[in-house]
Amino acid sequence: MTKLSVNINKIATLRNARGGNVPDLLKVAKDIERFGGQGITIHPRPDERHIRYQDARDLKKIVTTELNIEGNPTQKFIDLVLEVQPHQVTLVPDADDAITSNAGWDTIKNQNFLQEIIAEFKRNNIRTSIFVDPVPAMIEAAKKTGTDRVELYTESFAHQYSQGNKAGINPYIEAAKIANELDLGINAGHDLSLENIQFFQQNIPNLLEVSIGHALISEAIYLGLENVVNMYLHKLK
């Protein structure tokens, strides 16, 4: 079974908008686990506009499934990961001002850089994954970095699927085939949703984990809104 790790960045965005502790990020993480989620993902950025570095420290104390910290491996990020010791670290080549992740690593150009960082995390018994596009050469070079897993960047697939083009899965099938041959674990994430997740999972052999945040939180609002509105109406009667 493919594990579901829920990215809770959007919960932190909502909390930070009012400056208090509503919604309670730690309670949400515990509830996700109680509802059956098999992991919690966070992606702290340098400006801490959603997940704060302290959130990572606090979550490590209460997450009982798997804590996955994503991010661009700046020195500050590396120091946080080594301090917190999550179950998994996912390296993403984000610019500091990126709104969201928008590309995988060039694992050829950044080979030595990634090797050094991954070696440090593995010395500390932290499982490593690197964000990659579904390009055979990038998967092959990822193996040489020493990473345990690759996370396939699925924005292209999700966009094409929404347009009715199911052939958009083909590069991901090929990438997964190569990863399996190289004994690289396969994760995936970005714009996966209730609409496309089943098709993706059924076509990617040995998909270990998906990380889903924006779509899942948005869908939770849509699917729960009627219930909450009616609860308010009931209270007001």
Protein backbone atom coordinates (compact mmCIF):
# COMPACT_ATOMS: atom_id res chain seq x y z
CA MET A 1 0.00 0.00 0.00
CA THR A 2 1.16 3.51 -0.82
CA LYS A 3 1.46 5.64 2.31
CA LEU A 4 -0.27 9.01 2.57
CA SER A 5 1.78 11.81 4.15
CA VAL A 6 -0.29 14.96 4.64
CA ASN A 7 1.44 18.29 4.09
CA ILE A 8 0.10 20.71 6.71
CA ASN A 9 1.66 23.92 5.39
CA LYS A 10 -1.77 25.35 4.55
CA ILE A 11 -2.94 24.84 8.14
CA ALA A 12 0.02 26.92 9.28
CA THR A 13 -0.80 29.59 6.66
CA LEU A 14 -4.31 29.88 8.07
CA ARG A 15 -3.03 30.01 11.66
CA ASN A 16 -0.49 32.71 10.87
CA ALA A 17 -3.08 34.90 9.15
CA ARG A 18 -4.60 35.79 12.53
CA GLY A 19 -1.51 35.60 14.72
CA GLY A 20 -2.96 33.19 17.26
CA ASN A 21 -3.07 29.42 17.46
CA VAL A 22 -6.26 28.71 15.50
CA PRO A 23 -6.22 26.26 13.88
CA ASP A 24 -3.92 24.39 16.24
CA LEU A 25 -1.22 22.85 14.02
CA LEU A 26 -0.26 20.17 16.52
CA LYS A 27 -3.86 19.10 17.07
CA VAL A 28 -4.39 18.91 13.31
CA ALA A 29 -1.31 16.70 12.95
CA LYS A 30 -2.52 14.37 15.71
CA ASP A 31 -6.01 14.27 14.20
CA ILE A 32 -4.64 13.40 10.75
CA GLU A 33 -2.82 10.45 12.31
CA ARG A 34 -5.98 9.47 14.22
CA PHE A 35 -7.95 9.56 10.96
CA GLY A 36 -5.47 7.14 9.39
CA GLY A 37 -2.84 9.39 7.81
CA GLN A 38 0.51 7.64 7.73
CA GLY A 39 2.77 10.65 7.85
CA ILE A 40 3.05 14.41 8.34
CA THR A 41 4.97 16.57 5.86
CA ILE A 42 6.12 20.14 6.42
CA HIS A 43 8.04 22.47 4.15
CA PRO A 44 9.50 25.37 6.16
CA ARG A 45 10.77 28.26 4.06
CA PRO A 46 13.31 30.90 5.10
CA ASP A 47 10.64 33.58 5.73
CA GLU A 48 8.57 31.14 7.84
CA ARG A 49 5.43 32.39 6.13
CA HIS A 50 3.60 29.19 6.98
CA ILE A 51 5.54 26.47 8.81
CA ARG A 52 7.85 27.96 11.42
CA TYR A 53 11.10 26.29 12.40
CA GLN A 54 9.72 25.89 15.91
CA ASP A 55 6.80 23.93 14.44
CA ALA A 56 9.27 21.32 13.24
CA ARG A 57 10.68 20.97 16.74
CA ASP A 58 7.21 20.74 18.28
CA LEU A 59 5.91 18.24 15.71
CA LYS A 60 8.81 15.86 16.28
CA LYS A 61 7.60 15.48 19.87
CA ILE A 62 4.06 14.44 18.95
CA VAL A 63 4.12 12.79 15.50
CA THR A 64 3.90 9.02 15.98
CA THR A 65 3.81 7.94 12.32
CA GLU A 66 6.45 9.60 10.15
CA LEU A 67 7.71 13.18 10.02
CA ASN A 68 8.97 14.35 6.63
CA ILE A 69 10.68 17.74 6.39
CA GLU A 70 11.00 19.18 2.89
CA GLY A 71 13.08 22.11 1.82
CA ASN A 72 15.98 23.72 0.05
CA PRO A 73 19.17 22.58 1.81
CA THR A 74 20.49 25.92 2.96
CA GLN A 75 22.70 25.78 6.03
CA LYS A 76 19.81 26.90 8.24
CA PHE A 77 17.62 24.11 6.86
CA ILE A 78 20.37 21.51 7.25
CA ASP A 79 20.92 22.57 10.86
CA LEU A 80 17.18 22.27 11.58
CA VAL A 81 16.95 18.78 10.10
CA LEU A 82 19.99 17.57 12.02
CA GLU A 83 18.52 19.01 15.22
CA VAL A 84 15.01 17.62 14.76
CA GLN A 85 16.02 14.23 13.30
CA PRO A 86 12.86 13.56 11.26
CA HIS A 87 12.21 10.15 9.76
CA GLN A 88 12.75 11.56 6.26
CA VAL A 89 14.18 14.68 4.67
CA THR A 90 13.14 15.64 1.14
CA LEU A 91 15.47 18.00 -0.67
CA VAL A 92 13.74 20.51 -2.95
CA PRO A 93 15.54 23.15 -5.08
CA ASP A 94 13.32 26.06 -4.07
CA ALA A 95 14.33 29.66 -4.51
CA ASP A 96 13.90 31.65 -1.29
CA ASP A 97 10.95 33.58 -2.76
CA ALA A 98 9.24 30.61 -4.42
CA ILE A 99 5.48 30.47 -3.86
CA THR A 100 5.58 26.71 -4.25
CA SER A 101 7.92 24.06 -5.61
CA ASN A 102 8.20 24.35 -9.39
CA ALA A 103 11.01 22.06 -10.57
CA GLY A 104 13.05 19.04 -9.66
CA TRP A 105 16.80 18.92 -9.11
CA ASP A 106 19.28 18.83 -11.94
CA THR A 107 20.96 15.83 -10.39
CA ILE A 108 23.81 15.94 -12.91
CA LYS A 109 24.78 19.57 -12.38
CA ASN A 110 24.29 19.35 -8.59
CA GLN A 111 25.77 15.86 -8.15
CA ASN A 112 28.60 16.74 -5.77
CA PHE A 113 26.49 19.20 -3.78
CA LEU A 114 23.76 16.62 -3.22
CA GLN A 115 26.22 13.84 -2.42
CA GLU A 116 27.75 15.83 0.44
CA ILE A 117 24.43 16.82 1.99
CA ILE A 118 22.86 13.38 1.63
CA ALA A 119 25.92 11.73 3.18
CA GLU A 120 25.58 13.99 6.22
CA PHE A 121 21.90 13.13 6.69
CA LYS A 122 22.52 9.43 6.23
CA ARG A 123 25.31 9.54 8.83
CA ASN A 124 22.56 10.72 11.17
CA ASN A 125 20.21 7.88 10.15
CA ILE A 126 17.76 10.18 8.38
CA ARG A 127 16.17 8.69 5.25
CA THR A 128 16.73 10.93 2.24
CA SER A 129 14.61 11.73 -0.79
CA ILE A 130 15.23 14.23 -3.57
CA PHE A 131 12.64 16.03 -5.69
CA VAL A 132 13.08 15.17 -9.38
CA ASP A 133 11.33 15.58 -12.71
CA PRO A 134 10.39 12.35 -14.54
CA VAL A 135 13.47 12.47 -16.77
CA PRO A 136 15.51 9.25 -17.13
CA ALA A 137 18.88 11.01 -16.93
CA MET A 138 17.86 12.78 -13.72
CA ILE A 139 16.73 9.51 -12.12
CA GLU A 140 19.97 7.78 -13.10
CA ALA A 141 22.08 10.63 -11.73
CA ALA A 142 19.97 10.69 -8.56
CA LYS A 143 21.18 7.17 -7.80
CA LYS A 144 24.77 8.45 -7.79
CA THR A 145 23.97 11.01 -5.09
CA GLY A 146 23.42 8.23 -2.56
CA THR A 147 19.79 9.15 -1.91
CA ASP A 148 17.39 6.50 -0.60
CA ARG A 149 14.43 7.72 -2.61
CA VAL A 150 13.31 10.12 -5.30
CA GLU A 151 10.11 12.15 -5.13
CA LEU A 152 8.57 12.50 -8.57
CA TYR A 153 7.37 16.06 -9.22
CA THR A 154 3.82 15.48 -10.45
CA GLU A 155 2.60 18.94 -11.49
CA SER A 156 2.86 18.11 -15.19
CA PHE A 157 0.92 14.88 -14.79
CA ALA A 158 -1.82 16.58 -12.75
CA HIS A 159 -2.23 19.39 -15.28
CA GLN A 160 -2.42 17.03 -18.24
CA TYR A 161 -4.81 14.70 -16.46
CA SER A 162 -7.15 17.62 -15.72
CA GLN A 163 -7.15 18.34 -19.47
CA GLY A 164 -8.17 14.77 -20.23
CA ASN A 165 -4.73 13.67 -21.38
CA LYS A 166 -4.02 10.42 -19.57
CA ALA A 167 -0.86 9.93 -21.63
CA GLY A 168 0.74 12.46 -19.28
CA ILE A 169 1.42 9.51 -16.98
CA ASN A 170 3.85 7.91 -19.43
CA PRO A 171 7.03 9.79 -18.42
CA TYR A 172 6.29 8.88 -14.79
CA ILE A 173 5.87 5.20 -15.62
CA GLU A 174 9.24 5.24 -17.37
CA ALA A 175 10.88 7.13 -14.50
CA ALA A 176 9.45 4.65 -11.99
CA LYS A 177 10.72 1.71 -14.06
CA ILE A 178 14.25 3.15 -13.99
CA ALA A 179 14.04 3.94 -10.27
CA ASN A 180 12.93 0.38 -9.54
CA GLU A 181 15.79 -1.04 -11.61
CA LEU A 182 18.22 1.15 -9.64
CA ASP A 183 16.69 0.14 -6.30
CA LEU A 184 15.57 3.71 -5.55
CA GLY A 185 12.44 4.14 -3.48
CA ILE A 186 9.69 6.16 -5.14
CA ASN A 187 7.69 8.98 -3.55
CA ALA A 188 5.53 11.50 -5.40
CA GLY A 189 3.92 14.85 -4.81
CA HIS A 190 2.58 18.16 -6.12
CA ASP A 191 -1.00 18.75 -7.30
CA LEU A 192 -2.07 15.19 -6.61
CA SER A 193 -5.74 15.19 -5.62
CA LEU A 194 -8.85 13.04 -5.20
CA GLU A 195 -9.40 13.47 -8.93
CA ASN A 196 -6.12 11.97 -10.09
CA ILE A 197 -4.51 10.05 -7.22
CA GLN A 198 -6.01 6.65 -7.94
CA PHE A 199 -5.01 6.69 -11.62
CA PHE A 200 -1.49 7.77 -10.71
CA GLN A 201 -1.05 5.17 -7.98
CA GLN A 202 -2.37 2.34 -10.14
CA ASN A 203 0.12 3.13 -12.89
CA ILE A 204 3.30 3.68 -10.85
CA PRO A 205 4.85 0.40 -9.72
CA ASN A 206 6.13 0.29 -6.14
CA LEU A 207 4.98 3.81 -5.24
CA LEU A 208 5.92 4.02 -1.57
CA GLU A 209 4.53 7.39 -0.48
CA VAL A 210 2.61 10.42 -1.69
CA SER A 211 2.78 13.82 -0.03
CA ILE A 212 -0.42 15.83 -0.50
CA GLY A 213 -1.24 19.20 1.02
CA HIS A 214 -2.93 21.99 -0.94
CA ALA A 215 -5.49 19.79 -2.68
CA LEU A 216 -6.27 17.72 0.40
CA ILE A 217 -6.84 20.75 2.64
CA SER A 218 -8.95 22.43 -0.07
CA GLU A 219 -11.01 19.28 -0.52
CA ALA A 220 -11.50 19.05 3.24
CA ILE A 221 -13.01 22.55 3.15
CA TYR A 222 -15.32 21.71 0.25
CA LEU A 223 -16.43 18.39 1.69
CA GLY A 224 -16.89 19.71 5.21
CA LEU A 225 -18.45 23.12 4.53
CA GLU A 226 -22.05 21.95 4.29
CA ASN A 227 -21.78 20.10 7.58
CA VAL A 228 -20.30 23.08 9.45
CA VAL A 229 -22.80 25.58 8.02
CA ASN A 230 -25.64 23.34 9.16
CA MET A 231 -24.08 22.96 12.60
CA TYR A 232 -24.08 26.75 12.95
CA LEU A 233 -27.68 26.97 11.76
CA HIS A 234 -28.65 24.34 14.32
CA LYS A 235 -26.97 26.35 17.11
CA LEU A 236 -28.77 29.51 16.02
CA LYS A 237 -32.26 28.01 16.05
